[in-house]
Amino acid sequence: MSTDALVVTHSFALRGAAPDSVTATLKERPGVKDVHTGKNGRNLSVTYDLRFLRFDDIEQTVDKFGARPAIGFVSTIRRSWKRFTEENLLASVSAPVSPCCNRPPDTK
């Protein structure tokens, strides 16, 4: 397991089984560390580096090969949550360091 804050693992629920070409293509992408499919092929787990890829990039690659994301209210909420957490993580990493104990910085 990586201790790098920008390496994340997300699972994708799919409507149909993911073809082998999806996993092969994802493994070739820069920043992808690991790709696993579930027993039935309807779940895809991808570990990737946010410096190279985002959730939408992975989803577009999966969609290009005909493996459509699962539909429904819960799946939509989960995908939105994953996008939000990525944006939040990237914003946190690039935020300036705050002063200790809420003291204003010295102006001298």
Protein backbone atom coordinates (compact mmCIF):
# COMPACT_ATOMS: atom_id res chain seq x y z
CA MET A 1 0.00 0.00 0.00
CA SER A 2 1.28 3.41 -0.94
CA THR A 3 1.71 6.22 1.57
CA ASP A 4 1.55 8.84 -1.18
CA ALA A 5 -1.54 10.99 -0.63
CA LEU A 6 -2.10 11.38 -4.37
CA VAL A 7 -2.32 7.65 -5.09
CA VAL A 8 -5.95 6.58 -4.76
CA THR A 9 -7.95 3.43 -5.37
CA HIS A 10 -11.46 3.62 -6.74
CA SER A 11 -13.91 0.89 -7.64
CA PHE A 12 -16.22 1.11 -10.62
CA ALA A 13 -19.53 -0.73 -10.80
CA LEU A 14 -20.30 -1.65 -14.41
CA ARG A 15 -23.50 -2.69 -16.20
CA GLY A 16 -21.76 -5.53 -17.99
CA ALA A 17 -18.52 -7.43 -17.69
CA ALA A 18 -15.39 -5.45 -18.45
CA PRO A 19 -13.54 -6.81 -21.48
CA ASP A 20 -9.88 -7.78 -21.09
CA SER A 21 -8.95 -4.91 -23.40
CA VAL A 22 -10.10 -2.44 -20.72
CA THR A 23 -7.73 -3.78 -18.08
CA ALA A 24 -4.87 -4.06 -20.60
CA THR A 25 -5.37 -0.46 -21.77
CA LEU A 26 -5.64 0.89 -18.22
CA LYS A 27 -2.44 -0.88 -17.17
CA GLU A 28 -0.59 0.86 -20.01
CA ARG A 29 -1.73 4.36 -18.98
CA PRO A 30 0.86 6.44 -17.12
CA GLY A 31 -0.02 6.77 -13.45
CA VAL A 32 -2.01 3.53 -13.18
CA LYS A 33 -0.49 1.38 -10.45
CA ASP A 34 -2.91 -1.57 -10.36
CA VAL A 35 -6.11 -2.82 -12.03
CA HIS A 36 -8.33 -5.63 -10.76
CA THR A 37 -11.68 -6.97 -11.92
CA GLY A 38 -14.20 -8.73 -9.72
CA LYS A 39 -15.13 -12.38 -10.13
CA ASN A 40 -18.04 -11.58 -12.41
CA GLY A 41 -16.18 -8.80 -14.24
CA ARG A 42 -18.79 -6.20 -13.25
CA ASN A 43 -16.54 -4.49 -10.74
CA LEU A 44 -13.31 -2.78 -11.65
CA SER A 45 -10.82 -1.53 -9.06
CA VAL A 46 -8.12 0.88 -10.23
CA THR A 47 -5.24 2.31 -8.20
CA TYR A 48 -3.83 5.42 -9.85
CA ASP A 49 -1.85 8.58 -9.26
CA LEU A 50 -3.81 11.84 -9.36
CA ARG A 51 -0.79 13.64 -10.80
CA PHE A 52 -1.43 11.76 -14.07
CA LEU A 53 -5.11 10.78 -14.16
CA ARG A 54 -8.48 11.67 -12.75
CA PHE A 55 -11.63 9.64 -12.17
CA ASP A 56 -13.15 11.02 -15.37
CA ASP A 57 -10.14 9.85 -17.41
CA ILE A 58 -10.53 6.31 -16.11
CA GLU A 59 -14.28 6.39 -16.72
CA GLN A 60 -13.78 7.59 -20.32
CA THR A 61 -11.28 4.82 -21.01
CA VAL A 62 -13.68 2.22 -19.62
CA ASP A 63 -16.54 3.69 -21.63
CA LYS A 64 -14.49 3.69 -24.85
CA PHE A 65 -14.32 -0.10 -24.72
CA GLY A 66 -18.05 -0.56 -24.18
CA ALA A 67 -18.03 -1.19 -20.43
CA ARG A 68 -20.72 1.22 -19.27
CA PRO A 69 -20.94 2.46 -15.66
CA ALA A 70 -23.77 1.12 -13.56
CA ILE A 71 -26.90 3.26 -13.61
CA GLY A 72 -29.09 4.23 -10.73
CA PHE A 73 -29.28 6.74 -7.95
CA VAL A 74 -26.67 5.14 -5.68
CA SER A 75 -24.14 4.67 -8.48
CA THR A 76 -24.54 8.28 -9.56
CA ILE A 77 -24.00 9.50 -5.99
CA ARG A 78 -20.89 7.31 -5.60
CA ARG A 79 -19.34 8.58 -8.83
CA SER A 80 -20.05 12.19 -7.80
CA TRP A 81 -18.52 11.55 -4.38
CA LYS A 82 -15.35 10.14 -5.97
CA ARG A 83 -15.00 13.24 -8.16
CA PHE A 84 -15.53 15.48 -5.14
CA THR A 85 -12.94 13.68 -3.02
CA GLU A 86 -10.36 13.91 -5.82
CA GLU A 87 -10.95 17.66 -6.22
CA ASN A 88 -10.80 18.12 -2.46
CA LEU A 89 -7.58 16.14 -2.13
CA LEU A 90 -5.90 18.07 -4.94
CA ALA A 91 -7.02 21.39 -3.42
CA SER A 92 -5.68 20.36 0.00
CA VAL A 93 -2.30 19.39 -1.39
CA SER A 94 -1.89 22.66 -3.27
CA ALA A 95 -3.17 24.89 -0.41
CA PRO A 96 -0.64 27.13 1.33
CA VAL A 97 0.48 26.14 4.81
CA SER A 98 -1.58 27.86 7.47
CA PRO A 99 0.04 29.53 10.48
CA CYS A 100 0.18 27.57 13.71
CA CYS A 101 -2.53 27.98 16.33
CA ASN A 102 -4.51 30.45 14.24
CA ARG A 103 -2.04 33.23 14.89
CA PRO A 104 -1.69 35.78 12.13
CA PRO A 105 1.69 35.78 10.41
CA ASP A 106 4.28 38.34 11.45
CA THR A 107 4.20 41.42 9.26
CA LYS A 108 7.67 42.63 10.23
